[in-house]
């Protein structure tokens, strides 16, 4: 017996989890209450949400670590859909499915098979979700053809990502010295996620293709200005950081990007093909932006503000002043300052959304995982400036690391989208 539409809609709403709590927000954003309803691209959003829950069920990974799996799954679903429906170039694939095949069955099968391959322990949950997806497709030849093509799309993605470097040990070999990153309080953990800097990219040619110039020299006025600024506004007991800045720092610790994409697809009335393209383009560009950021972290290895401020008497800059007791507002992640991963992916996100859309505004509604609040950004620069500010107001990144990150992410997205996910000539 088929699952009723009412039950499927309720399950989808629970799976997407897009409700938000209203709260006072800075002037650059407005309150928003994302709503979930049945849409042509619901299968893409459902499996994107499930991907995050399967990959990181306990919420222990950082967003850049989970981004690779979102990218792989969404690219596989994209291939499964456009391989049948056409309209856009497939991702590193030339196969085509029968036009009579169900693209919904193909997308669900591709996602199911990829996740089952990489996360076999999640099989019971994946099988249940897969049955629910196929329950929305009429039985018959179209469903079966979609299943078969989806399996081919999944197998191709598994082959593409074979030995791509996920989780491989990549040592940070720069010798400890003034200006060089070292473990930070309170946990004093070694460099985490270093493999991201050597991960095989999904779109760009090399991990160092967009490596920026070096950060400011320790003895420069720019370095001193960066340090003074984060020391003043990013301290745990700062008296100059405003309540709005404090909330923004907390807001952007982790955001629900997949939920934001689902919301965007629904509100913009995207069909299945354009929804698949949206998720695939955003998620693959996000991975490559993270790779670019971590490549710079590995290459330059610049110390974090907490270290730089506490040890400023050693930096050779007469314009800086040490504060051995200084603490950042947020706990410092265990990897170098330059580049900021958050701002690099934020710049990539904004450029990707603006490139894919024919709307003059950003129109991004995004929810904070920590605060359970949703912000609605219309102006692209408001989003990137808030992310930049958040990392500085949190005391964990310098302005230069943030701004250079945004520009690098924008460059990655512009290059990638000029070569991938393009419309097929009529």
Protein backbone atom coordinates (compact mmCIF):
# COMPACT_ATOMS: atom_id res chain seq x y z
CA UNK A 1 0.00 0.00 0.00
CA UNK A 2 1.21 3.49 -0.84
CA UNK A 3 2.15 5.90 1.96
CA UNK A 4 -0.47 8.66 2.09
CA UNK A 5 0.50 12.13 0.91
CA UNK A 6 -0.38 13.56 4.32
CA UNK A 7 2.00 11.21 6.09
CA UNK A 8 4.79 11.84 3.59
CA UNK A 9 4.43 15.59 3.98
CA UNK A 10 4.57 15.30 7.75
CA UNK A 11 7.68 13.14 7.56
CA UNK A 12 9.33 15.57 5.14
CA UNK A 13 8.60 18.48 7.44
CA UNK A 14 10.14 16.68 10.39
CA UNK A 15 13.12 15.64 8.31
CA UNK A 16 13.83 19.15 7.07
CA UNK A 17 13.40 20.71 10.52
CA UNK A 18 13.20 24.26 9.23
CA UNK A 19 11.19 25.95 11.99
CA UNK A 20 12.86 28.96 13.60
CA UNK A 21 12.46 31.07 16.70
CA UNK A 22 11.84 34.77 16.15
CA UNK A 23 14.24 37.17 17.84
CA UNK A 24 15.54 40.72 17.60
CA UNK A 25 18.13 41.01 14.82
CA UNK A 26 20.57 43.59 13.47
CA UNK A 27 19.31 46.11 10.96
CA UNK A 28 20.95 44.29 8.05
CA UNK A 29 18.58 41.31 8.38
CA UNK A 30 14.90 40.64 8.90
CA UNK A 31 13.13 37.88 10.79
CA UNK A 32 11.94 34.85 8.85
CA UNK A 33 9.96 31.72 9.54
CA UNK A 34 10.85 29.06 6.93
CA UNK A 35 7.92 26.89 5.95
CA UNK A 36 8.05 23.41 4.45
CA UNK A 37 5.61 22.09 1.88
CA UNK A 38 5.65 19.60 -0.92
CA UNK A 39 7.74 20.86 -3.84
CA UNK A 40 8.95 19.29 -7.09
CA UNK A 41 12.48 19.13 -5.68
CA UNK A 42 11.53 17.73 -2.27
CA UNK A 43 13.45 14.51 -2.88
CA UNK A 44 16.69 16.52 -3.22
CA UNK A 45 16.08 18.46 -0.01
CA UNK A 46 15.02 15.35 1.91
CA UNK A 47 18.17 13.44 1.05
CA UNK A 48 20.37 16.46 1.65
CA UNK A 49 18.99 16.72 5.17
CA UNK A 50 19.40 13.01 5.74
CA UNK A 51 22.98 13.18 4.50
CA UNK A 52 23.92 15.56 7.30
CA UNK A 53 22.24 13.36 9.90
CA UNK A 54 23.92 10.19 8.63
CA UNK A 55 27.37 11.73 8.24
CA UNK A 56 27.43 13.53 11.59
CA UNK A 57 24.70 12.12 13.85
CA UNK A 58 26.25 13.58 17.01
CA UNK A 59 27.17 16.99 15.57
CA UNK A 60 30.91 16.58 16.22
CA UNK A 61 32.27 17.48 12.79
CA UNK A 62 32.87 20.99 11.52
CA UNK A 63 30.87 22.22 8.53
CA UNK A 64 33.83 21.92 6.18
CA UNK A 65 34.26 18.24 7.05
CA UNK A 66 30.60 17.46 6.38
CA UNK A 67 30.56 19.56 3.22
CA UNK A 68 32.38 16.91 1.21
CA UNK A 69 29.58 14.41 1.76
CA UNK A 70 26.88 16.94 0.91
CA UNK A 71 28.78 17.69 -2.28
CA UNK A 72 29.22 14.06 -3.29
CA UNK A 73 25.59 13.14 -2.65
CA UNK A 74 24.11 16.25 -4.26
CA UNK A 75 26.37 15.90 -7.32
CA UNK A 76 25.30 12.27 -7.70
CA UNK A 77 21.61 13.24 -7.47
CA UNK A 78 22.21 16.05 -9.94
CA UNK A 79 23.71 13.61 -12.45
CA UNK A 80 20.82 11.23 -11.94
CA UNK A 81 18.29 14.00 -12.65
CA UNK A 82 19.91 15.86 -15.54
CA UNK A 83 20.96 12.56 -17.10
CA UNK A 84 17.25 11.97 -17.64
CA UNK A 85 15.81 15.48 -17.90
CA UNK A 86 18.69 17.29 -19.59
CA UNK A 87 18.91 21.15 -19.54
CA UNK A 88 22.31 21.29 -17.78
CA UNK A 89 25.68 19.66 -18.29
CA UNK A 90 26.20 16.63 -16.04
CA UNK A 91 28.99 16.70 -13.49
CA UNK A 92 32.04 14.86 -14.91
CA UNK A 93 29.80 12.34 -16.68
CA UNK A 94 28.54 11.72 -20.19
CA UNK A 95 25.87 9.08 -19.52
CA UNK A 96 22.20 9.62 -20.33
CA UNK A 97 19.20 7.75 -19.00
CA UNK A 98 15.97 6.97 -20.83
CA UNK A 99 13.69 9.97 -21.08
CA UNK A 100 10.81 7.88 -19.75
CA UNK A 101 12.64 7.10 -16.47
CA UNK A 102 11.50 8.66 -13.21
CA UNK A 103 14.02 11.33 -12.15
CA UNK A 104 12.67 11.20 -8.59
CA UNK A 105 13.41 7.49 -8.34
CA UNK A 106 16.82 8.11 -9.91
CA UNK A 107 17.73 10.86 -7.44
CA UNK A 108 16.60 8.88 -4.39
CA UNK A 109 18.43 5.78 -5.56
CA UNK A 110 21.64 7.69 -6.24
CA UNK A 111 21.60 9.27 -2.77
CA UNK A 112 20.70 6.00 -1.06
CA UNK A 113 23.40 4.01 -2.80
CA UNK A 114 26.15 6.56 -2.20
CA UNK A 115 25.36 6.95 1.48
CA UNK A 116 25.06 3.20 1.93
CA UNK A 117 28.47 2.73 0.32
CA UNK A 118 30.21 5.30 2.51
CA UNK A 119 28.17 4.77 5.71
CA UNK A 120 26.99 1.14 5.76
CA UNK A 121 26.13 1.27 9.47
CA UNK A 122 23.27 3.63 8.62
CA UNK A 123 21.56 0.98 6.46
CA UNK A 124 18.31 0.66 8.48
CA UNK A 125 17.69 4.38 8.37
CA UNK A 126 18.66 4.65 4.72
CA UNK A 127 16.37 1.78 3.72
CA UNK A 128 13.44 3.38 5.52
CA UNK A 129 14.01 6.74 3.85
CA UNK A 130 14.47 5.08 0.47
CA UNK A 131 11.17 3.22 0.77
CA UNK A 132 9.43 6.49 1.63
CA UNK A 133 10.93 8.21 -1.42
CA UNK A 134 9.93 5.43 -3.81
CA UNK A 135 6.45 5.35 -2.31
CA UNK A 136 5.86 8.70 -4.02
CA UNK A 137 6.68 7.25 -7.45
CA UNK A 138 4.06 5.16 -9.28
CA UNK A 139 5.07 1.52 -9.68
CA UNK A 140 6.06 0.47 -13.14
CA UNK A 141 8.67 0.76 -15.86
CA UNK A 142 9.44 4.44 -15.23
CA UNK A 143 10.23 3.79 -11.59
CA UNK A 144 12.41 0.81 -12.40
CA UNK A 145 14.29 2.68 -15.12
CA UNK A 146 14.89 5.54 -12.69
CA UNK A 147 16.21 3.16 -10.05
CA UNK A 148 18.59 1.58 -12.52
CA UNK A 149 19.92 4.93 -13.76
CA UNK A 150 20.27 6.24 -10.21
CA UNK A 151 22.43 3.25 -9.37
CA UNK A 152 24.68 4.05 -12.30
CA UNK A 153 24.96 7.67 -11.19
CA UNK A 154 25.88 6.60 -7.66
CA UNK A 155 28.49 4.11 -8.85
CA UNK A 156 30.07 6.79 -11.01
CA UNK A 157 30.37 9.21 -8.08
CA UNK A 158 31.88 6.52 -5.86
CA UNK A 159 34.48 5.88 -8.54
CA UNK A 160 35.20 9.61 -8.99
CA UNK A 161 35.92 10.06 -5.29
CA UNK A 162 38.01 6.95 -4.82
CA UNK A 163 41.20 7.75 -2.86
CA UNK A 164 40.35 11.45 -2.79
CA UNK A 165 42.10 12.06 0.53
CA UNK A 166 39.20 12.20 2.97
CA UNK A 167 40.52 11.67 6.48
CA UNK A 168 44.11 11.04 5.38
CA UNK A 169 46.73 12.12 7.91
CA UNK A 170 48.35 15.37 6.73
CA UNK A 171 50.96 16.58 9.23
CA UNK A 172 51.57 20.26 9.91
CA UNK A 173 55.33 20.40 9.57
CA UNK A 174 56.15 24.10 10.08
CA UNK A 175 58.56 24.46 13.00
CA UNK A 176 57.19 26.31 16.03
CA UNK A 177 58.33 29.94 16.09
CA UNK A 178 56.98 33.47 16.46
CA UNK A 179 54.00 33.96 14.15
CA UNK A 180 53.51 30.23 13.54
CA UNK A 181 50.34 28.42 14.60
CA UNK A 182 50.41 26.18 17.62
CA UNK A 183 47.62 24.48 19.63
CA UNK A 184 45.37 26.97 21.42
CA UNK A 185 43.60 26.98 24.77
CA UNK A 186 41.62 25.54 26.35
CA UNK A 187 41.88 22.11 24.69
CA UNK A 188 45.35 22.57 23.12
CA UNK A 189 44.36 20.19 20.31
CA UNK A 190 46.61 19.46 17.33
CA UNK A 191 45.78 20.76 13.86
CA UNK A 192 42.41 19.21 12.98
CA UNK A 193 40.95 18.60 9.53
CA UNK A 194 44.33 19.22 7.91
CA UNK A 195 43.38 16.71 5.19
CA UNK A 196 40.99 19.32 3.76
CA UNK A 197 43.96 21.27 2.46
CA UNK A 198 45.10 18.30 0.38
CA UNK A 199 41.70 16.88 -0.56
CA UNK A 200 41.18 16.33 -4.28
CA UNK A 201 38.94 19.20 -5.41
CA UNK A 202 35.58 18.62 -7.06
CA UNK A 203 35.65 21.58 -9.47
CA UNK A 204 38.90 23.54 -9.35
CA UNK A 205 42.08 22.03 -10.73
CA UNK A 206 44.33 22.01 -7.64
CA UNK A 207 44.04 22.72 -3.96
CA UNK A 208 46.48 25.64 -4.32
CA UNK A 209 44.89 27.10 -7.48
CA UNK A 210 43.49 30.06 -5.54
CA UNK A 211 46.10 30.43 -2.83
CA UNK A 212 46.23 34.13 -1.86
CA UNK A 213 49.30 36.21 -1.13
CA UNK A 214 50.88 35.92 2.31
CA UNK A 215 49.27 37.59 5.33
CA UNK A 216 50.73 40.89 6.60
CA UNK A 217 54.25 40.70 8.05
CA UNK A 218 54.40 40.64 11.83
CA UNK A 219 56.20 43.98 11.89
CA UNK A 220 53.71 45.76 9.61
CA UNK A 221 51.16 48.39 10.58
CA UNK A 222 48.41 46.25 9.02
CA UNK A 223 49.27 43.36 11.30
CA UNK A 224 49.20 45.64 14.34
CA UNK A 225 45.84 47.10 13.31
CA UNK A 226 44.40 43.61 12.85
CA UNK A 227 45.61 42.55 16.27
CA UNK A 228 44.38 45.70 18.04
CA UNK A 229 40.94 45.30 16.50
CA UNK A 230 40.37 41.65 17.40
CA UNK A 231 41.90 42.25 20.84
CA UNK A 232 39.36 45.01 21.52
CA UNK A 233 36.16 43.57 20.05
CA UNK A 234 36.83 39.83 20.26
CA UNK A 235 37.80 39.45 23.90
CA UNK A 236 35.71 37.33 26.23
CA UNK A 237 35.09 40.36 28.46
CA UNK A 238 35.10 43.02 25.72
CA UNK A 239 33.34 46.24 26.67
CA UNK A 240 33.22 47.59 23.11
CA UNK A 241 31.51 44.65 21.38
CA UNK A 242 27.82 45.45 21.02
CA UNK A 243 24.99 43.03 21.90
CA UNK A 244 24.18 42.72 18.19
CA UNK A 245 27.79 41.83 17.40
CA UNK A 246 27.81 39.29 20.22
CA UNK A 247 24.70 37.62 18.83
CA UNK A 248 26.12 37.60 15.30
CA UNK A 249 29.31 35.93 16.53
CA UNK A 250 27.20 33.18 18.10
CA UNK A 251 24.78 33.00 15.16
CA UNK A 252 27.46 32.01 12.66
CA UNK A 253 29.16 29.29 14.69
CA UNK A 254 27.17 26.84 12.57
CA UNK A 255 24.33 27.51 10.13
CA UNK A 256 21.89 25.16 8.41
CA UNK A 257 22.94 25.58 4.80
CA UNK A 258 20.97 22.61 3.47
CA UNK A 259 17.81 23.92 5.10
CA UNK A 260 18.46 27.33 3.54
CA UNK A 261 18.78 25.76 0.10
CA UNK A 262 15.54 23.82 0.59
CA UNK A 263 13.78 27.01 1.65
CA UNK A 264 15.16 28.87 -1.35
CA UNK A 265 14.12 26.17 -3.81
CA UNK A 266 10.57 26.19 -2.45
CA UNK A 267 10.12 29.96 -2.32
CA UNK A 268 11.59 30.47 -5.78
CA UNK A 269 9.41 27.73 -7.25
CA UNK A 270 12.33 25.68 -8.55
CA UNK A 271 11.46 22.45 -10.29
CA UNK A 272 13.32 19.19 -9.70
CA UNK A 273 16.07 19.93 -12.22
CA UNK A 274 16.85 23.40 -10.92
CA UNK A 275 16.68 22.21 -7.32
CA UNK A 276 19.20 19.47 -8.10
CA UNK A 277 21.43 22.04 -9.77
CA UNK A 278 21.15 24.46 -6.84
CA UNK A 279 22.20 21.87 -4.27
CA UNK A 280 24.96 20.39 -6.43
CA UNK A 281 26.48 23.73 -7.42
CA UNK A 282 26.41 25.22 -3.92
CA UNK A 283 27.72 22.12 -2.19
CA UNK A 284 30.55 21.37 -4.60
CA UNK A 285 31.68 25.00 -4.63
CA UNK A 286 31.57 25.00 -0.82
CA UNK A 287 33.93 22.02 -0.73
CA UNK A 288 36.42 23.64 -3.07
CA UNK A 289 36.28 26.91 -1.13
CA UNK A 290 37.06 24.97 2.06
CA UNK A 291 39.93 23.24 0.28
CA UNK A 292 41.34 26.62 -0.78
CA UNK A 293 41.07 27.91 2.80
CA UNK A 294 42.74 24.88 4.33
CA UNK A 295 45.47 24.91 1.69
CA UNK A 296 46.33 28.44 2.87
CA UNK A 297 46.17 27.34 6.51
CA UNK A 298 48.66 24.57 5.81
CA UNK A 299 50.92 26.73 3.65
CA UNK A 300 51.11 29.88 5.78
CA UNK A 301 50.39 28.40 9.20
CA UNK A 302 49.74 31.77 10.86
CA UNK A 303 49.07 31.85 14.57
CA UNK A 304 45.62 32.58 15.98
CA UNK A 305 44.76 35.87 17.73
CA UNK A 306 44.80 34.25 21.19
CA UNK A 307 48.43 33.25 20.68
CA UNK A 308 49.44 36.46 18.93
CA UNK A 309 47.93 38.67 21.64
CA UNK A 310 49.38 36.71 24.54
CA UNK A 311 52.85 36.62 22.95
CA UNK A 312 52.91 40.06 21.33
CA UNK A 313 56.09 41.01 23.14
CA UNK A 314 57.92 38.60 20.83
CA UNK A 315 56.52 39.74 17.45
CA UNK A 316 59.02 42.57 16.88
CA UNK A 317 56.23 45.08 16.30
CA UNK A 318 56.38 48.19 18.53
CA UNK A 319 52.70 48.88 17.81
CA UNK A 320 51.40 45.72 19.50
CA UNK A 321 50.99 45.10 23.20
CA UNK A 322 50.89 41.73 24.92
CA UNK A 323 48.05 40.62 27.19
CA UNK A 324 48.98 37.19 28.61
CA UNK A 325 45.53 36.76 30.17
CA UNK A 326 43.47 37.61 27.06
CA UNK A 327 40.75 35.13 26.08
CA UNK A 328 38.55 35.12 22.95
CA UNK A 329 34.76 35.27 23.20
CA UNK A 330 34.44 31.98 21.29
CA UNK A 331 36.64 28.91 21.65
CA UNK A 332 39.34 29.01 18.98
CA UNK A 333 39.15 26.15 16.45
CA UNK A 334 42.31 24.08 16.23
CA UNK A 335 43.78 25.28 12.94
CA UNK A 336 45.54 28.46 11.71
CA UNK A 337 44.10 31.94 11.30
CA UNK A 338 44.76 32.59 7.61
CA UNK A 339 42.40 31.92 5.82
CA UNK A 340 39.11 31.90 7.65
CA UNK A 341 37.18 28.86 6.48
CA UNK A 342 33.83 30.42 7.38
CA UNK A 343 34.35 33.55 5.33
CA UNK A 344 35.85 31.68 2.38
CA UNK A 345 32.79 29.46 2.12
CA UNK A 346 30.50 32.45 2.73
CA UNK A 347 32.04 34.33 -0.19
CA UNK A 348 31.65 31.23 -2.34
CA UNK A 349 28.03 30.78 -1.28
CA UNK A 350 27.01 34.33 -2.10
CA UNK A 351 28.73 34.32 -5.49
CA UNK A 352 27.17 30.94 -6.33
CA UNK A 353 23.64 32.00 -5.40
CA UNK A 354 23.91 35.26 -7.31
CA UNK A 355 25.31 33.47 -10.37
CA UNK A 356 22.60 30.82 -10.45
CA UNK A 357 19.70 33.20 -9.80
CA UNK A 358 18.07 35.80 -11.98
CA UNK A 359 16.97 37.73 -8.89
CA UNK A 360 18.70 41.07 -8.18
CA UNK A 361 18.89 40.35 -4.44
CA UNK A 362 20.50 37.56 -2.45
CA UNK A 363 17.20 36.49 -0.80
CA UNK A 364 18.84 34.04 1.59
CA UNK A 365 17.04 32.83 4.71
CA UNK A 366 19.40 30.92 6.93
CA UNK A 367 19.08 29.44 10.41
CA UNK A 368 21.67 29.32 13.19
CA UNK A 369 22.05 25.83 14.63
CA UNK A 370 23.18 27.27 17.97
CA UNK A 371 20.59 30.02 18.37
CA UNK A 372 17.67 28.41 16.50
CA UNK A 373 17.00 31.78 14.88
CA UNK A 374 16.60 32.62 11.21
CA UNK A 375 17.89 35.66 9.37
CA UNK A 376 16.82 36.90 5.96
CA UNK A 377 19.60 38.50 3.92
CA UNK A 378 18.73 40.51 0.82
CA UNK A 379 22.02 42.31 0.16
CA UNK A 380 24.98 40.04 -0.68
CA UNK A 381 27.49 42.26 1.11
CA UNK A 382 25.45 42.20 4.31
CA UNK A 383 25.80 38.44 4.53
CA UNK A 384 29.54 38.32 3.90
CA UNK A 385 30.24 41.29 6.18
CA UNK A 386 28.28 39.65 9.00
CA UNK A 387 30.23 36.41 8.61
CA UNK A 388 33.49 38.36 8.57
CA UNK A 389 32.45 40.31 11.63
CA UNK A 390 31.29 37.20 13.44
CA UNK A 391 34.72 35.58 13.32
CA UNK A 392 36.40 38.80 14.49
CA UNK A 393 33.81 39.56 17.19
CA UNK A 394 34.28 35.99 18.35
CA UNK A 395 37.99 36.70 18.79
CA UNK A 396 39.10 33.84 16.58
CA UNK A 397 40.15 35.48 13.29
CA UNK A 398 41.77 38.71 12.15
CA UNK A 399 40.12 41.07 9.69
CA UNK A 400 42.69 40.21 7.01
CA UNK A 401 42.06 36.47 7.34
CA UNK A 402 38.33 37.15 7.05
CA UNK A 403 38.35 39.58 4.14
CA UNK A 404 40.88 37.61 2.13
CA UNK A 405 38.80 34.52 2.76
CA UNK A 406 35.69 36.15 1.32
CA UNK A 407 37.55 37.26 -1.81
CA UNK A 408 39.11 33.82 -2.27
CA UNK A 409 35.73 32.11 -1.99
CA UNK A 410 34.26 34.47 -4.56
CA UNK A 411 37.11 33.69 -6.96
CA UNK A 412 36.66 29.94 -6.50
CA UNK A 413 32.93 30.18 -7.22
CA UNK A 414 33.34 32.44 -10.26
CA UNK A 415 35.92 30.13 -11.82
CA UNK A 416 34.00 26.93 -11.06
CA UNK A 417 30.60 28.10 -12.28
CA UNK A 418 32.05 29.35 -15.56
CA UNK A 419 32.96 25.72 -16.27
CA UNK A 420 30.39 23.54 -14.48
CA UNK A 421 26.61 23.17 -14.15
CA UNK A 422 26.11 25.20 -17.31
CA UNK A 423 22.92 25.12 -19.40
CA UNK A 424 23.00 22.81 -22.39
CA UNK A 425 22.78 24.67 -25.67
CA UNK A 426 19.33 24.33 -27.21
